[in-house]
Structure formats: structure tokens, C-alpha cells
Protein backbone atom coordinates (compact mmCIF):
# COMPACT_ATOMS: atom_id res chain seq x y z
CA UNK A 1 -19.93 60.28 -43.56
CA UNK A 2 -20.74 56.38 -43.83
CA UNK A 3 -20.13 53.15 -43.83
CA UNK A 4 -17.09 51.42 -45.97
CA UNK A 5 -18.29 50.00 -49.50
CA UNK A 6 -19.36 46.21 -49.40
CA UNK A 7 -17.19 43.45 -49.39
CA UNK A 8 -18.16 40.30 -50.25
CA UNK A 9 -18.13 36.58 -48.21
CA UNK A 10 -15.12 35.12 -47.16
CA UNK A 11 -13.55 32.46 -48.19
CA UNK A 12 -11.81 29.76 -45.71
CA UNK A 13 -9.24 31.21 -43.61
CA UNK A 14 -8.39 28.03 -42.13
CA UNK A 15 -4.99 26.82 -43.13
CA UNK A 16 -1.40 25.37 -42.61
CA UNK A 17 -0.34 28.68 -41.59
CA UNK A 18 -2.06 31.42 -39.35
CA UNK A 19 -2.25 33.68 -42.47
CA UNK A 20 -0.32 36.79 -41.10
CA UNK A 21 -0.18 37.98 -44.73
CA UNK A 22 -3.50 37.26 -46.03
CA UNK A 23 -5.18 40.34 -47.31
CA UNK A 24 -7.51 42.49 -44.85
CA UNK A 25 -9.89 45.35 -46.83
CA UNK A 26 -10.94 48.30 -45.98
CA UNK A 27 -12.87 48.59 -43.26
CA UNK A 28 -12.05 44.96 -42.50
CA UNK A 29 -9.55 42.93 -39.79
CA UNK A 30 -8.12 40.07 -38.81
CA UNK A 31 -6.85 39.19 -35.45
CA UNK A 32 -5.05 36.01 -33.47
CA UNK A 33 -6.42 35.25 -30.03
CA UNK A 34 -4.38 33.68 -27.28
CA UNK A 35 -5.46 32.60 -23.77
CA UNK A 36 -3.26 30.74 -21.40
CA UNK A 37 -3.93 29.13 -17.70
CA UNK A 38 -0.66 28.68 -15.58
CA UNK A 39 -0.79 24.91 -14.37
CA UNK A 40 -1.06 26.19 -10.94
CA UNK A 41 -3.87 28.45 -11.41
CA UNK A 42 -2.66 31.59 -10.02
CA UNK A 43 -1.37 33.19 -13.10
CA UNK A 44 -3.19 33.61 -16.64
CA UNK A 45 -2.17 35.68 -20.19
CA UNK A 46 -4.21 37.55 -23.33
CA UNK A 47 -2.11 38.20 -26.13
CA UNK A 48 -4.42 39.79 -29.49
CA UNK A 49 -2.58 41.09 -32.46
CA UNK A 50 -4.71 43.02 -34.64
CA UNK A 51 -4.59 43.92 -38.04
CA UNK A 52 -7.28 46.77 -38.00
CA UNK A 53 -7.71 46.90 -34.53
CA UNK A 54 -11.74 46.46 -34.11
CA UNK A 55 -12.14 48.13 -30.86
CA UNK A 56 -9.54 51.47 -31.89
CA UNK A 57 -11.72 54.49 -31.38
CA UNK A 58 -8.81 55.78 -34.69
CA UNK A 59 -10.13 53.16 -36.83
CA UNK A 60 -13.76 53.79 -35.80
CA UNK A 61 -13.40 57.02 -37.25
CA UNK A 62 -11.33 56.66 -39.82
CA UNK A 63 -13.98 53.78 -41.24
CA UNK A 64 -16.62 56.89 -41.20
CA UNK A 65 -14.40 59.00 -43.45
CA UNK A 66 -14.03 56.25 -46.06
CA UNK A 67 -10.18 56.30 -44.83
CA UNK A 68 -10.15 52.65 -43.22
CA UNK A 69 -6.93 50.88 -44.49
CA UNK A 70 -6.80 48.39 -41.73
CA UNK A 71 -2.65 48.42 -41.76
CA UNK A 72 -2.61 51.82 -40.78
CA UNK A 73 -4.41 50.75 -37.37
CA UNK A 74 -2.84 47.64 -36.03
CA UNK A 75 -1.62 46.47 -32.48
CA UNK A 76 -0.62 43.77 -29.59
CA UNK A 77 -3.22 43.69 -26.56
CA UNK A 78 -0.93 42.07 -24.04
CA UNK A 79 -2.25 41.10 -20.42
CA UNK A 80 -0.43 39.13 -17.61
CA UNK A 81 -2.83 38.13 -14.85
CA UNK A 82 -1.63 37.06 -11.23
CA UNK A 83 -1.83 37.78 -7.87
CA UNK A 84 0.74 40.42 -7.83
CA UNK A 85 2.46 40.99 -11.21
CA UNK A 86 -0.62 42.13 -13.66
CA UNK A 87 -0.17 43.66 -16.26
CA UNK A 88 -2.20 45.62 -19.22
CA UNK A 89 -0.85 46.93 -22.72
CA UNK A 90 -2.46 47.84 -25.64
CA UNK A 91 -0.49 50.78 -27.85
CA UNK A 92 -1.61 51.12 -31.73
CA UNK A 93 0.56 51.73 -34.59
CA UNK A 94 0.55 52.73 -38.30
CA UNK A 95 1.41 50.39 -41.64
CA UNK A 96 5.04 51.88 -41.44
CA UNK A 97 5.71 49.82 -38.28
CA UNK A 98 3.60 46.57 -39.69
CA UNK A 99 5.93 44.38 -41.23
CA UNK A 100 3.69 40.79 -42.65
CA UNK A 101 5.05 37.39 -43.92
CA UNK A 102 3.43 33.72 -44.50
CA UNK A 103 5.43 32.78 -40.96
CA UNK A 104 6.40 36.39 -39.10
CA UNK A 105 3.94 39.90 -38.38
CA UNK A 106 5.84 42.12 -36.76
CA UNK A 107 3.79 45.22 -35.22
CA UNK A 108 6.67 47.52 -33.87
CA UNK A 109 8.70 45.84 -31.53
CA UNK A 110 6.44 42.98 -30.53
CA UNK A 111 6.53 40.12 -33.09
CA UNK A 112 4.76 36.50 -33.94
CA UNK A 113 6.77 33.86 -35.21
CA UNK A 114 5.70 30.26 -37.21
CA UNK A 115 8.18 27.47 -36.64
CA UNK A 116 7.12 24.69 -38.24
CA UNK A 117 3.46 23.11 -38.12
CA UNK A 118 3.40 23.05 -34.21
CA UNK A 119 5.65 25.97 -32.49
CA UNK A 120 4.77 29.51 -32.25
CA UNK A 121 6.59 32.28 -30.55
CA UNK A 122 5.04 35.33 -29.19
CA UNK A 123 8.12 38.40 -28.67
CA UNK A 124 6.34 41.14 -26.36
CA UNK A 125 7.83 44.45 -25.90
CA UNK A 126 5.47 46.24 -25.44
CA UNK A 127 4.74 49.57 -22.51
CA UNK A 128 1.78 48.98 -20.03
CA UNK A 129 -1.40 51.78 -19.40
CA UNK A 130 -1.93 53.69 -18.02
CA UNK A 131 0.98 52.97 -15.71
CA UNK A 132 4.38 53.32 -18.48
CA UNK A 133 5.97 49.59 -17.19
CA UNK A 134 7.70 47.77 -19.15
CA UNK A 135 6.18 43.86 -20.39
CA UNK A 136 9.32 42.33 -22.15
CA UNK A 137 9.44 38.25 -22.48
CA UNK A 138 8.57 35.70 -24.75
CA UNK A 139 5.47 33.11 -24.54
CA UNK A 140 6.38 29.81 -26.65
CA UNK A 141 2.67 27.91 -28.13
CA UNK A 142 3.18 24.56 -28.69
CA UNK A 143 0.54 22.67 -30.51
CA UNK A 144 -0.43 18.76 -31.85
CA UNK A 145 -1.69 20.48 -34.99
CA UNK A 146 -3.76 23.27 -36.37
CA UNK A 147 -7.62 22.58 -36.56
CA UNK A 148 -8.22 22.62 -40.55
CA UNK A 149 -11.81 24.31 -40.87
CA UNK A 150 -13.30 27.88 -39.95
CA UNK A 151 -16.70 28.81 -39.25
CA UNK A 152 -19.10 31.28 -40.18
CA UNK A 153 -20.71 34.18 -37.33
CA UNK A 154 -23.20 35.21 -39.97
CA UNK A 155 -25.66 34.51 -42.04
CA UNK A 156 -23.69 36.15 -45.07
CA UNK A 157 -20.14 34.76 -44.38
CA UNK A 158 -18.41 38.45 -43.45
CA UNK A 159 -17.33 36.94 -40.85
CA UNK A 160 -15.23 33.86 -39.61
CA UNK A 161 -13.61 32.67 -36.83
CA UNK A 162 -10.76 30.02 -36.64
CA UNK A 163 -10.59 27.51 -33.66
CA UNK A 164 -6.90 26.74 -34.64
CA UNK A 165 -5.69 25.09 -31.57
CA UNK A 166 -7.67 25.04 -29.44
CA UNK A 167 -5.45 23.04 -26.80
CA UNK A 168 -2.24 24.05 -26.56
CA UNK A 169 0.32 24.38 -24.40
CA UNK A 170 2.63 27.76 -23.42
CA UNK A 171 5.52 28.44 -21.44
CA UNK A 172 6.03 31.97 -20.51
CA UNK A 173 9.37 33.12 -20.12
CA UNK A 174 8.66 37.22 -18.89
CA UNK A 175 11.64 39.52 -18.45
CA UNK A 176 9.26 42.42 -17.08
CA UNK A 177 7.93 41.43 -15.09
CA UNK A 178 9.87 38.59 -13.95
CA UNK A 179 7.92 35.31 -14.25
CA UNK A 180 7.92 31.98 -15.54
CA UNK A 181 5.42 29.88 -16.12
CA UNK A 182 3.76 26.81 -18.11
CA UNK A 183 0.51 26.10 -18.82
CA UNK A 184 -2.68 25.16 -21.01
CA UNK A 185 -3.41 27.66 -23.97
CA UNK A 186 -5.87 28.03 -26.54
CA UNK A 187 -5.37 30.14 -30.14
CA UNK A 188 -7.89 30.97 -32.65
CA UNK A 189 -8.40 33.86 -35.56
CA UNK A 190 -11.05 35.97 -36.71
CA UNK A 191 -11.54 37.55 -39.90
CA UNK A 192 -14.19 40.17 -41.44
CA UNK A 193 -14.69 42.32 -44.08
CA UNK A 194 -16.88 44.62 -43.03
CA UNK A 195 -17.10 46.34 -39.36
CA UNK A 196 -18.50 44.52 -36.40
CA UNK A 197 -20.77 46.68 -35.40
CA UNK A 198 -22.30 46.53 -38.67
CA UNK A 199 -22.92 43.28 -38.18
CA UNK A 200 -23.32 42.47 -34.51
CA UNK A 201 -25.32 44.26 -31.77
CA UNK A 202 -23.38 42.14 -29.18
CA UNK A 203 -22.04 38.29 -28.78
CA UNK A 204 -21.27 36.06 -26.08
CA UNK A 205 -18.08 33.48 -26.27
CA UNK A 206 -16.86 30.82 -24.07
CA UNK A 207 -14.65 27.88 -24.53
CA UNK A 208 -13.86 25.22 -21.44
CA UNK A 209 -10.61 24.53 -20.76
CA UNK A 210 -8.87 21.45 -22.41
CA UNK A 211 -8.57 17.69 -19.94
CA UNK A 212 -7.76 14.86 -21.92
CA UNK A 213 -7.25 17.24 -24.90
CA UNK A 214 -11.34 17.71 -25.65
CA UNK A 215 -13.45 20.93 -24.28
CA UNK A 216 -16.36 22.77 -25.89
CA UNK A 217 -16.39 26.08 -27.13
CA UNK A 218 -19.47 28.40 -28.15
CA UNK A 219 -20.73 31.46 -29.59
CA UNK A 220 -23.82 32.65 -29.19
CA UNK A 221 -24.37 36.53 -31.37
CA UNK A 222 -27.71 39.01 -31.52
CA UNK A 223 -27.33 40.17 -34.84
CA UNK A 224 -28.36 44.46 -36.06
CA UNK A 225 -31.41 42.55 -37.22
CA UNK A 226 -32.06 41.03 -34.10
CA UNK A 227 -31.73 37.78 -35.58
CA UNK A 228 -29.46 35.26 -32.95
CA UNK A 229 -26.84 33.35 -33.93
CA UNK A 230 -25.69 30.52 -31.79
CA UNK A 231 -22.69 27.73 -32.72
CA UNK A 232 -21.40 25.16 -30.23
CA UNK A 233 -18.54 23.14 -30.71
CA UNK A 234 -16.65 20.30 -29.22
CA UNK A 235 -12.90 19.89 -30.45
CA UNK A 236 -10.72 16.70 -29.49
CA UNK A 237 -7.35 15.73 -29.36
CA UNK A 238 -6.35 16.27 -32.83
CA UNK A 239 -7.47 19.35 -33.12
CA UNK A 240 -10.64 18.63 -34.89
CA UNK A 241 -13.80 20.88 -34.57
CA UNK A 242 -17.64 19.29 -35.13
CA UNK A 243 -20.58 21.32 -34.02
CA UNK A 244 -22.61 19.88 -31.28
CA UNK A 245 -26.79 19.08 -31.41
CA UNK A 246 -27.32 20.05 -28.51
CA UNK A 247 -25.15 23.04 -26.90
CA UNK A 248 -27.20 23.48 -23.41
CA UNK A 249 -29.37 26.62 -22.49
CA UNK A 250 -28.71 30.00 -22.39
CA UNK A 251 -28.59 30.93 -18.56
CA UNK A 252 -28.03 34.27 -17.97
CA UNK A 253 -24.80 35.24 -14.97
CA UNK A 254 -23.97 38.33 -12.73
CA UNK A 255 -23.91 41.40 -14.41
CA UNK A 256 -20.36 43.07 -14.73
CA UNK A 257 -19.83 44.60 -11.19
CA UNK A 258 -19.07 47.91 -12.71
CA UNK A 259 -20.62 48.96 -15.81
CA UNK A 260 -23.73 46.39 -15.12
CA UNK A 261 -23.34 44.75 -18.66
CA UNK A 262 -25.04 41.52 -19.22
CA UNK A 263 -23.18 38.56 -19.84
CA UNK A 264 -24.73 35.54 -21.16
CA UNK A 265 -23.17 31.84 -20.98
CA UNK A 266 -23.85 28.00 -22.40
CA UNK A 267 -24.47 25.24 -19.54
CA UNK A 268 -26.13 21.95 -19.44
CA UNK A 269 -27.16 21.96 -15.66
CA UNK A 270 -26.52 24.16 -12.54
CA UNK A 271 -25.81 27.70 -12.01
CA UNK A 272 -22.82 29.33 -13.12
CA UNK A 273 -20.04 31.29 -11.23
CA UNK A 274 -17.88 33.86 -11.55
CA UNK A 275 -14.67 33.13 -10.62
CA UNK A 276 -12.88 36.27 -11.69
CA UNK A 277 -13.72 39.59 -14.07
CA UNK A 278 -10.19 39.95 -15.82
CA UNK A 279 -11.39 42.88 -17.90
CA UNK A 280 -14.38 44.83 -17.59
CA UNK A 281 -15.05 48.30 -19.77
CA UNK A 282 -18.39 49.83 -20.83
CA UNK A 283 -18.71 46.98 -24.05
CA UNK A 284 -16.72 44.57 -22.94
CA UNK A 285 -15.89 42.01 -20.47
CA UNK A 286 -13.30 38.82 -19.83
CA UNK A 287 -14.68 36.56 -16.99
CA UNK A 288 -12.99 33.34 -15.36
CA UNK A 289 -15.99 31.08 -14.84
CA UNK A 290 -16.76 27.87 -13.39
CA UNK A 291 -19.66 26.13 -15.04
CA UNK A 292 -21.27 22.19 -16.46
CA UNK A 293 -20.27 22.35 -20.24
CA UNK A 294 -21.73 18.81 -20.71
CA UNK A 295 -18.00 17.85 -19.65
CA UNK A 296 -18.41 17.62 -16.43
CA UNK A 297 -17.52 20.77 -14.42
CA UNK A 298 -14.58 22.93 -15.87
CA UNK A 299 -12.84 26.50 -15.88
CA UNK A 300 -14.59 28.60 -18.81
CA UNK A 301 -12.77 31.56 -20.16
CA UNK A 302 -16.01 33.62 -21.44
CA UNK A 303 -16.04 37.57 -23.04
CA UNK A 304 -18.94 39.35 -23.52
CA UNK A 305 -19.18 42.31 -26.30
CA UNK A 306 -21.70 44.94 -26.45
CA UNK A 307 -20.94 46.80 -29.67
CA UNK A 308 -24.05 48.86 -29.22
CA UNK A 309 -22.41 50.70 -26.21
CA UNK A 310 -18.97 50.69 -28.14
CA UNK A 311 -20.62 52.89 -31.11
CA UNK A 312 -21.82 55.30 -28.67
CA UNK A 313 -19.85 58.93 -28.88
CA UNK A 314 -18.95 58.95 -25.15
CA UNK A 315 -17.76 55.67 -25.59
CA UNK A 316 -15.51 56.50 -28.81
CA UNK A 317 -14.72 60.00 -26.42
CA UNK A 318 -13.29 58.03 -23.61
CA UNK A 319 -11.19 55.17 -25.26
CA UNK A 320 -7.88 56.97 -26.70
CA UNK A 321 -7.26 57.71 -22.86
CA UNK A 322 -7.27 53.33 -22.93
CA UNK A 323 -5.20 52.75 -26.13
CA UNK A 324 -2.67 55.55 -26.76
CA UNK A 325 -1.52 55.87 -30.52
CA UNK A 326 1.84 56.02 -31.74
CA UNK A 327 2.32 59.02 -34.47
CA UNK A 328 1.62 57.01 -38.23
CA UNK A 329 4.30 56.12 -39.96
CA UNK A 330 3.85 55.64 -43.83
CA UNK A 331 5.88 52.65 -44.78
């Protein structure tokens, strides 16, 4: 028992490609995150592609046995939100189901392709849970450019975050369920050389929906030693990002309805309003807020993560019911 061997600080992860083939050390992780809202405001989606699935109970146990090869713990978390067509899928797979190259990553039947510098295609073919319905279709993401700067989330540079394309457009064409829409989208990448729970107790993240191609993004984290880290960015239409001198104030919002997890956000004035809690677990929540970010009232995608809850034994016992794992296939 014990933690994985220590790894050193990371180098810059931003670039002209998304880094699908980047090295991920034992105990580490890399994920690519896409979210989008439909233009009519009635639908949304989230897709997260993991190498070293950070919320996996199987990867958590493997790391404690010093067997934390991240390629053995990969997954695609694909979620559709809508008034009558909600779907949720997350299946973990082993290294035999993973293929990675500069312009493509394949995990089981799903894959993501980069076509040129400004187009990305997500081919999703997953089985939902807890009810085993199919989730199948294509999401095409177009971006004006990729941002060329990532940011350290901790003092030692062990965790980096890259707002790769804060303001993009998606065209969603799903066969199962049969839906199609277009809307504004956001793409980023996170990479770490040690597990999240070794560094962070919790974090709160938010990004405002882009209007005229500009918006704000905030990270507020509490480290395991109690130190607070805050990062506020403004992004512009050319995807450049720069740090805000004044990123507003920490503002508590209502706890999650079922598990009563704390949520904090950044706002300039007024009282934030929770439009909808999209995802809720004992340690994680994703919500849509209405608040003043300094660019006027905006719709905001928000997440709260409580890693001190994630590591509790009862939580590790519950997670496999929500996150099935296919048998390990050796490459």
C-alpha cells in the first residue's frame, strides 16, 4: 500500500495538436473535456475522454498497489442533456482497447479525430448506464484556433490545465437517440503527473458562455495543505487568454440537492442563481448558473469537486455501480 513514485513538474502541454499521443506517467492522467449548449437553450452535452481515469475506483486501487499504468484505465464519459432525451454513459476499458496517435485517440468503439488545426470530430458509440440503451452519433467541433498557453494549477507544476478552445461551435448529429442541434462549445485539456487527490482537497471551476467570442474562466482550488489557489482568465475571439487582475469574489451558492456538497463560484455583483444541477454525486457536481462574471449576466457552466469525499472507502465501494469496467485486454 502507498502512493505512486513521485514525478516532477510538467512542461507546457499546449500546442497545435491536442496531445492525444502525449506520454502519461504511472499514476498520472490526461483528459480532454468538451461541453456545449444548443442555440435554443434546450439541450446540452458533455464529453470527457480519459487516459488514466481520475475518478475510477479501479485506477485508485491500482495506484495503491503501485500498478497504476494509466493506459489500463481509459474511458469516454458521454452525456446528453435535454428535456426528454437525457443519456449518460461511462465505461472503463483497458490498454488493449486504446489506440493513440498525433491526430486520433480511440477508446473501444469511440474515437476522437483532429482534422487540421480547427476541426475535431467526436465519434461516440457507447452503452448508457444504469439502463443499457445505446448512445451513438457524431459531434463535430469547429474552433477559430487553438490557444497556445496552459496554466499550472498547483505550486509544483504537477497539474496543468489548457483552455484549448474556449469558444467553438458544435454540430451534433446523434442516431441514438435521434437528435440534431448546433450550438456554442468549449474545449480544454487537463494533465497531471500525480493523482488529483495527492494535491487537492477540492476545486470549483466555471466558464461563462461566450458572447462575441469573449468570456471568463475561473479555477478556485484548496490544496491538501490548506492553501488556496485561484486563477481567473479572460479569453478573446482569437483564443488568447490572459489573467484577470480582479476576478471577483468567492460566493457560496446552494449546496447540491441530494448530497449537500458545497458549491462556490466567482461573481462580480449580485446573487448567483442555479438554473439546473446537471450532475450530482457525493463528490462531484456539474451545474448551470446565471451570474454576473464582469461581462454582464451570463449563463455559466460550473463544477465542484470534493476529493476528500472521493477517497472515502464507502465512496470507492459505490463507484463501480455507476462506472462498469470491461475485462482488461492486453495490447
